[in-house]
Amino acid sequence: MKLQLTVPSMACGACAETITKAIQAVDAKAQVDADPQTKLVVIETSAAEPALKSAVEAAGYPVS
């Protein structure tokens, strides 16, 4: 399943790395492409969307 999340507070590569780690804590096999320029996170995963959103928000990055 492919998901796309918008994370307005993602500002740099370190933010993208933190978000990627939060997602991979939920689904270790998830393919994550976090782009600070576009504020988009594209995820190829088998995990449920609410669980991924919760993980990103728990890492300090609200999802819009």
PDB file of N, CA and C in Angstrom:
ATOM      1  N   MET A   1       0.852  -1.178   0.000  1.00  0.00           N
ATOM      2  CA  MET A   1       0.000   0.000   0.000  1.00  0.00           C
ATOM      3  C   MET A   1       0.896   1.239   0.000  1.00  0.00           C
ATOM      4  N   LYS A   2       0.529   2.204  -0.812  1.00  0.00           N
ATOM      5  CA  LYS A   2       1.292   3.446  -0.886  1.00  0.00           C
ATOM      6  C   LYS A   2       0.504   4.572  -0.232  1.00  0.00           C
ATOM      7  N   LEU A   3       1.169   5.288   0.670  1.00  0.00           N
ATOM      8  CA  LEU A   3       0.549   6.417   1.368  1.00  0.00           C
ATOM      9  C   LEU A   3       1.363   7.669   1.116  1.00  0.00           C
ATOM     10  N   GLN A   4       0.696   8.799   1.161  1.00  0.00           N
ATOM     11  CA  GLN A   4       1.383  10.090   1.067  1.00  0.00           C
ATOM     12  C   GLN A   4       0.885  10.971   2.196  1.00  0.00           C
ATOM     13  N   LEU A   5       1.824  11.451   3.009  1.00  0.00           N
ATOM     14  CA  LEU A   5       1.494  12.330   4.120  1.00  0.00           C
ATOM     15  C   LEU A   5       2.142  13.686   3.891  1.00  0.00           C
ATOM     16  N   THR A   6       1.466  14.740   4.298  1.00  0.00           N
ATOM     17  CA  THR A   6       2.035  16.087   4.256  1.00  0.00           C
ATOM     18  C   THR A   6       2.454  16.458   5.675  1.00  0.00           C
ATOM     19  N   VAL A   7       3.732  16.828   5.815  1.00  0.00           N
ATOM     20  CA  VAL A   7       4.293  17.167   7.127  1.00  0.00           C
ATOM     21  C   VAL A   7       4.882  18.576   7.031  1.00  0.00           C
ATOM     22  N   PRO A   8       4.050  19.607   7.311  1.00  0.00           N
ATOM     23  CA  PRO A   8       4.477  21.001   7.116  1.00  0.00           C
ATOM     24  C   PRO A   8       5.705  21.414   7.926  1.00  0.00           C
ATOM     25  N   SER A   9       5.944  20.774   9.068  1.00  0.00           N
ATOM     26  CA  SER A   9       7.070  21.187   9.921  1.00  0.00           C
ATOM     27  C   SER A   9       8.383  20.488   9.576  1.00  0.00           C
ATOM     28  N   MET A  10       8.385  19.623   8.561  1.00  0.00           N
ATOM     29  CA  MET A  10       9.629  18.969   8.138  1.00  0.00           C
ATOM     30  C   MET A  10      10.474  19.993   7.394  1.00  0.00           C
ATOM     31  N   ALA A  11      11.624  20.358   7.970  1.00  0.00           N
ATOM     32  CA  ALA A  11      12.400  21.469   7.427  1.00  0.00           C
ATOM     33  C   ALA A  11      13.756  21.068   6.843  1.00  0.00           C
ATOM     34  N   CYS A  12      14.267  19.889   7.212  1.00  0.00           N
ATOM     35  CA  CYS A  12      15.621  19.549   6.785  1.00  0.00           C
ATOM     36  C   CYS A  12      15.806  18.033   6.719  1.00  0.00           C
ATOM     37  N   GLY A  13      17.000  17.644   6.330  1.00  0.00           N
ATOM     38  CA  GLY A  13      17.315  16.221   6.226  1.00  0.00           C
ATOM     39  C   GLY A  13      17.217  15.492   7.549  1.00  0.00           C
ATOM     40  N   ALA A  14      17.586  16.180   8.640  1.00  0.00           N
ATOM     41  CA  ALA A  14      17.488  15.552   9.958  1.00  0.00           C
ATOM     42  C   ALA A  14      16.029  15.278  10.321  1.00  0.00           C
ATOM     43  N   CYS A  15      15.152  16.205   9.964  1.00  0.00           N
ATOM     44  CA  CYS A  15      13.712  15.998  10.185  1.00  0.00           C
ATOM     45  C   CYS A  15      13.250  14.767   9.405  1.00  0.00           C
ATOM     46  N   ALA A  16      13.656  14.701   8.148  1.00  0.00           N
ATOM     47  CA  ALA A  16      13.261  13.580   7.283  1.00  0.00           C
ATOM     48  C   ALA A  16      13.747  12.255   7.867  1.00  0.00           C
ATOM     49  N   GLU A  17      14.963  12.255   8.411  1.00  0.00           N
ATOM     50  CA  GLU A  17      15.517  11.037   8.997  1.00  0.00           C
ATOM     51  C   GLU A  17      14.737  10.620  10.236  1.00  0.00           C
ATOM     52  N   THR A  18      14.371  11.583  11.065  1.00  0.00           N
ATOM     53  CA  THR A  18      13.585  11.295  12.270  1.00  0.00           C
ATOM     54  C   THR A  18      12.229  10.709  11.893  1.00  0.00           C
ATOM     55  N   ILE A  19      11.593  11.294  10.886  1.00  0.00           N
ATOM     56  CA  ILE A  19      10.289  10.810  10.421  1.00  0.00           C
ATOM     57  C   ILE A  19      10.429   9.398   9.854  1.00  0.00           C
ATOM     58  N   THR A  20      11.469   9.167   9.065  1.00  0.00           N
ATOM     59  CA  THR A  20      11.705   7.837   8.490  1.00  0.00           C
ATOM     60  C   THR A  20      11.868   6.800   9.590  1.00  0.00           C
ATOM     61  N   LYS A  21      12.650   7.119  10.616  1.00  0.00           N
ATOM     62  CA  LYS A  21      12.867   6.179  11.719  1.00  0.00           C
ATOM     63  C   LYS A  21      11.572   5.902  12.475  1.00  0.00           C
ATOM     64  N   ALA A  22      10.748   6.930  12.652  1.00  0.00           N
ATOM     65  CA  ALA A  22       9.468   6.750  13.353  1.00  0.00           C
ATOM     66  C   ALA A  22       8.561   5.799  12.567  1.00  0.00           C
ATOM     67  N   ILE A  23       8.539   5.957  11.250  1.00  0.00           N
ATOM     68  CA  ILE A  23       7.711   5.088  10.403  1.00  0.00           C
ATOM     69  C   ILE A  23       8.255   3.662  10.423  1.00  0.00           C
ATOM     70  N   GLN A  24       9.570   3.527  10.331  1.00  0.00           N
ATOM     71  CA  GLN A  24      10.161   2.192  10.303  1.00  0.00           C
ATOM     72  C   GLN A  24      10.091   1.490  11.656  1.00  0.00           C
ATOM     73  N   ALA A  25       9.823   2.230  12.719  1.00  0.00           N
ATOM     74  CA  ALA A  25       9.579   1.605  14.023  1.00  0.00           C
ATOM     75  C   ALA A  25       8.233   0.882  14.019  1.00  0.00           C
ATOM     76  N   VAL A  26       7.301   1.370  13.191  1.00  0.00           N
ATOM     77  CA  VAL A  26       5.985   0.730  13.050  1.00  0.00           C
ATOM     78  C   VAL A  26       6.064  -0.407  12.037  1.00  0.00           C
ATOM     79  N   ASP A  27       6.750  -0.169  10.915  1.00  0.00           N
ATOM     80  CA  ASP A  27       6.908  -1.166   9.852  1.00  0.00           C
ATOM     81  C   ASP A  27       8.360  -1.136   9.394  1.00  0.00           C
ATOM     82  N   ALA A  28       9.148  -2.090   9.886  1.00  0.00           N
ATOM     83  CA  ALA A  28      10.589  -2.115   9.606  1.00  0.00           C
ATOM     84  C   ALA A  28      10.889  -2.249   8.112  1.00  0.00           C
ATOM     85  N   LYS A  29       9.964  -2.799   7.345  1.00  0.00           N
ATOM     86  CA  LYS A  29      10.189  -3.006   5.911  1.00  0.00           C
ATOM     87  C   LYS A  29       9.663  -1.859   5.051  1.00  0.00           C
ATOM     88  N   ALA A  30       9.120  -0.837   5.685  1.00  0.00           N
ATOM     89  CA  ALA A  30       8.536   0.291   4.932  1.00  0.00           C
ATOM     90  C   ALA A  30       9.611   0.999   4.110  1.00  0.00           C
ATOM     91  N   GLN A  31       9.241   1.359   2.886  1.00  0.00           N
ATOM     92  CA  GLN A  31      10.087   2.191   2.041  1.00  0.00           C
ATOM     93  C   GLN A  31       9.595   3.618   2.219  1.00  0.00           C
ATOM     94  N   VAL A  32      10.476   4.509   2.662  1.00  0.00           N
ATOM     95  CA  VAL A  32      10.079   5.873   3.000  1.00  0.00           C
ATOM     96  C   VAL A  32      10.879   6.875   2.171  1.00  0.00           C
ATOM     97  N   ASP A  33      10.166   7.809   1.556  1.00  0.00           N
ATOM     98  CA  ASP A  33      10.807   8.917   0.836  1.00  0.00           C
ATOM     99  C   ASP A  33      10.267  10.209   1.432  1.00  0.00           C
ATOM    100  N   ALA A  34      11.070  10.811   2.320  1.00  0.00           N
ATOM    101  CA  ALA A  34      10.669  12.057   2.987  1.00  0.00           C
ATOM    102  C   ALA A  34      11.427  13.208   2.334  1.00  0.00           C
ATOM    103  N   ASP A  35      10.698  14.169   1.784  1.00  0.00           N
ATOM    104  CA  ASP A  35      11.303  15.291   1.058  1.00  0.00           C
ATOM    105  C   ASP A  35      11.008  16.613   1.768  1.00  0.00           C
ATOM    106  N   PRO A  36      12.024  17.182   2.424  1.00  0.00           N
ATOM    107  CA  PRO A  36      11.806  18.458   3.141  1.00  0.00           C
ATOM    108  C   PRO A  36      11.407  19.610   2.210  1.00  0.00           C
ATOM    109  N   GLN A  37      11.795  19.561   0.952  1.00  0.00           N
ATOM    110  CA  GLN A  37      11.459  20.634   0.007  1.00  0.00           C
ATOM    111  C   GLN A  37       9.954  20.706  -0.232  1.00  0.00           C
ATOM    112  N   THR A  38       9.336  19.543  -0.474  1.00  0.00           N
ATOM    113  CA  THR A  38       7.905  19.500  -0.800  1.00  0.00           C
ATOM    114  C   THR A  38       7.034  19.252   0.435  1.00  0.00           C
ATOM    115  N   LYS A  39       7.686  18.885   1.564  1.00  0.00           N
ATOM    116  CA  LYS A  39       6.982  18.560   2.816  1.00  0.00           C
ATOM    117  C   LYS A  39       6.168  17.271   2.698  1.00  0.00           C
ATOM    118  N   LEU A  40       6.488  16.446   1.690  1.00  0.00           N
ATOM    119  CA  LEU A  40       5.746  15.209   1.473  1.00  0.00           C
ATOM    120  C   LEU A  40       6.549  13.998   1.943  1.00  0.00           C
ATOM    121  N   VAL A  41       5.841  13.032   2.502  1.00  0.00           N
ATOM    122  CA  VAL A  41       6.424  11.752   2.880  1.00  0.00           C
ATOM    123  C   VAL A  41       5.630  10.687   2.126  1.00  0.00           C
ATOM    124  N   VAL A  42       6.317   9.970   1.250  1.00  0.00           N
ATOM    125  CA  VAL A  42       5.679   8.892   0.491  1.00  0.00           C
ATOM    126  C   VAL A  42       6.160   7.579   1.106  1.00  0.00           C
ATOM    127  N   ILE A  43       5.198   6.732   1.457  1.00  0.00           N
ATOM    128  CA  ILE A  43       5.498   5.504   2.186  1.00  0.00           C
ATOM    129  C   ILE A  43       4.904   4.311   1.437  1.00  0.00           C
ATOM    130  N   GLU A  44       5.738   3.293   1.220  1.00  0.00           N
ATOM    131  CA  GLU A  44       5.265   2.002   0.705  1.00  0.00           C
ATOM    132  C   GLU A  44       5.299   1.068   1.908  1.00  0.00           C
ATOM    133  N   THR A  45       4.112   0.636   2.360  1.00  0.00           N
ATOM    134  CA  THR A  45       4.026  -0.082   3.633  1.00  0.00           C
ATOM    135  C   THR A  45       2.858  -1.053   3.667  1.00  0.00           C
ATOM    136  N   SER A  46       2.922  -1.943   4.638  1.00  0.00           N
ATOM    137  CA  SER A  46       1.781  -2.829   4.900  1.00  0.00           C
ATOM    138  C   SER A  46       1.074  -2.419   6.190  1.00  0.00           C
ATOM    139  N   ALA A  47       1.601  -1.383   6.862  1.00  0.00           N
ATOM    140  CA  ALA A  47       1.010  -0.913   8.125  1.00  0.00           C
ATOM    141  C   ALA A  47      -0.199  -0.011   7.844  1.00  0.00           C
ATOM    142  N   ALA A  48      -1.057   0.119   8.848  1.00  0.00           N
ATOM    143  CA  ALA A  48      -2.252   0.953   8.724  1.00  0.00           C
ATOM    144  C   ALA A  48      -1.884   2.433   8.801  1.00  0.00           C
ATOM    145  N   GLU A  49      -2.575   3.249   8.003  1.00  0.00           N
ATOM    146  CA  GLU A  49      -2.309   4.694   7.962  1.00  0.00           C
ATOM    147  C   GLU A  49      -2.402   5.363   9.335  1.00  0.00           C
ATOM    148  N   PRO A  50      -3.434   5.077  10.152  1.00  0.00           N
ATOM    149  CA  PRO A  50      -3.504   5.742  11.468  1.00  0.00           C
ATOM    150  C   PRO A  50      -2.288   5.459  12.343  1.00  0.00           C
ATOM    151  N   ALA A  51      -1.751   4.245  12.283  1.00  0.00           N
ATOM    152  CA  ALA A  51      -0.576   3.893  13.091  1.00  0.00           C
ATOM    153  C   ALA A  51       0.641   4.694  12.635  1.00  0.00           C
ATOM    154  N   LEU A  52       0.779   4.876  11.330  1.00  0.00           N
ATOM    155  CA  LEU A  52       1.913   5.636  10.804  1.00  0.00           C
ATOM    156  C   LEU A  52       1.790   7.113  11.150  1.00  0.00           C
ATOM    157  N   LYS A  53       0.595   7.669  10.998  1.00  0.00           N
ATOM    158  CA  LYS A  53       0.379   9.076  11.354  1.00  0.00           C
ATOM    159  C   LYS A  53       0.684   9.297  12.838  1.00  0.00           C
ATOM    160  N   SER A  54       0.233   8.392  13.683  1.00  0.00           N
ATOM    161  CA  SER A  54       0.478   8.501  15.120  1.00  0.00           C
ATOM    162  C   SER A  54       1.970   8.479  15.419  1.00  0.00           C
ATOM    163  N   ALA A  55       2.713   7.613  14.736  1.00  0.00           N
ATOM    164  CA  ALA A  55       4.157   7.504  14.960  1.00  0.00           C
ATOM    165  C   ALA A  55       4.866   8.801  14.560  1.00  0.00           C
ATOM    166  N   VAL A  56       4.476   9.377  13.423  1.00  0.00           N
ATOM    167  CA  VAL A  56       5.093  10.622  12.956  1.00  0.00           C
ATOM    168  C   VAL A  56       4.765  11.748  13.928  1.00  0.00           C
ATOM    169  N   GLU A  57       3.512  11.816  14.363  1.00  0.00           N
ATOM    170  CA  GLU A  57       3.111  12.872  15.297  1.00  0.00           C
ATOM    171  C   GLU A  57       3.783  12.686  16.654  1.00  0.00           C
ATOM    172  N   ALA A  58       3.974  11.438  17.098  1.00  0.00           N
ATOM    173  CA  ALA A  58       4.659  11.181  18.361  1.00  0.00           C
ATOM    174  C   ALA A  58       6.127  11.611  18.287  1.00  0.00           C
ATOM    175  N   ALA A  59       6.690  11.615  17.079  1.00  0.00           N
ATOM    176  CA  ALA A  59       8.081  12.045  16.880  1.00  0.00           C
ATOM    177  C   ALA A  59       8.186  13.576  16.852  1.00  0.00           C
ATOM    178  N   GLY A  60       7.022  14.252  16.917  1.00  0.00           N
ATOM    179  CA  GLY A  60       7.031  15.706  16.989  1.00  0.00           C
ATOM    180  C   GLY A  60       6.724  16.418  15.683  1.00  0.00           C
ATOM    181  N   TYR A  61       6.156  15.685  14.732  1.00  0.00           N
ATOM    182  CA  TYR A  61       5.851  16.269  13.413  1.00  0.00           C
ATOM    183  C   TYR A  61       4.373  16.081  13.089  1.00  0.00           C
ATOM    184  N   PRO A  62       3.542  17.092  13.359  1.00  0.00           N
ATOM    185  CA  PRO A  62       2.112  16.977  13.049  1.00  0.00           C
ATOM    186  C   PRO A  62       1.872  16.752  11.556  1.00  0.00           C
ATOM    187  N   VAL A  63       0.949  15.858  11.269  1.00  0.00           N
ATOM    188  CA  VAL A  63       0.574  15.541   9.887  1.00  0.00           C
ATOM    189  C   VAL A  63      -0.666  16.342   9.531  1.00  0.00           C
ATOM    190  N   SER A  64      -0.652  16.979   8.349  1.00  0.00           N
ATOM    191  CA  SER A  64      -1.862  17.736   7.956  1.00  0.00           C
ATOM    192  C   SER A  64      -2.609  17.005   6.867  1.00  0.00           C
TER     193      SER A  64
END
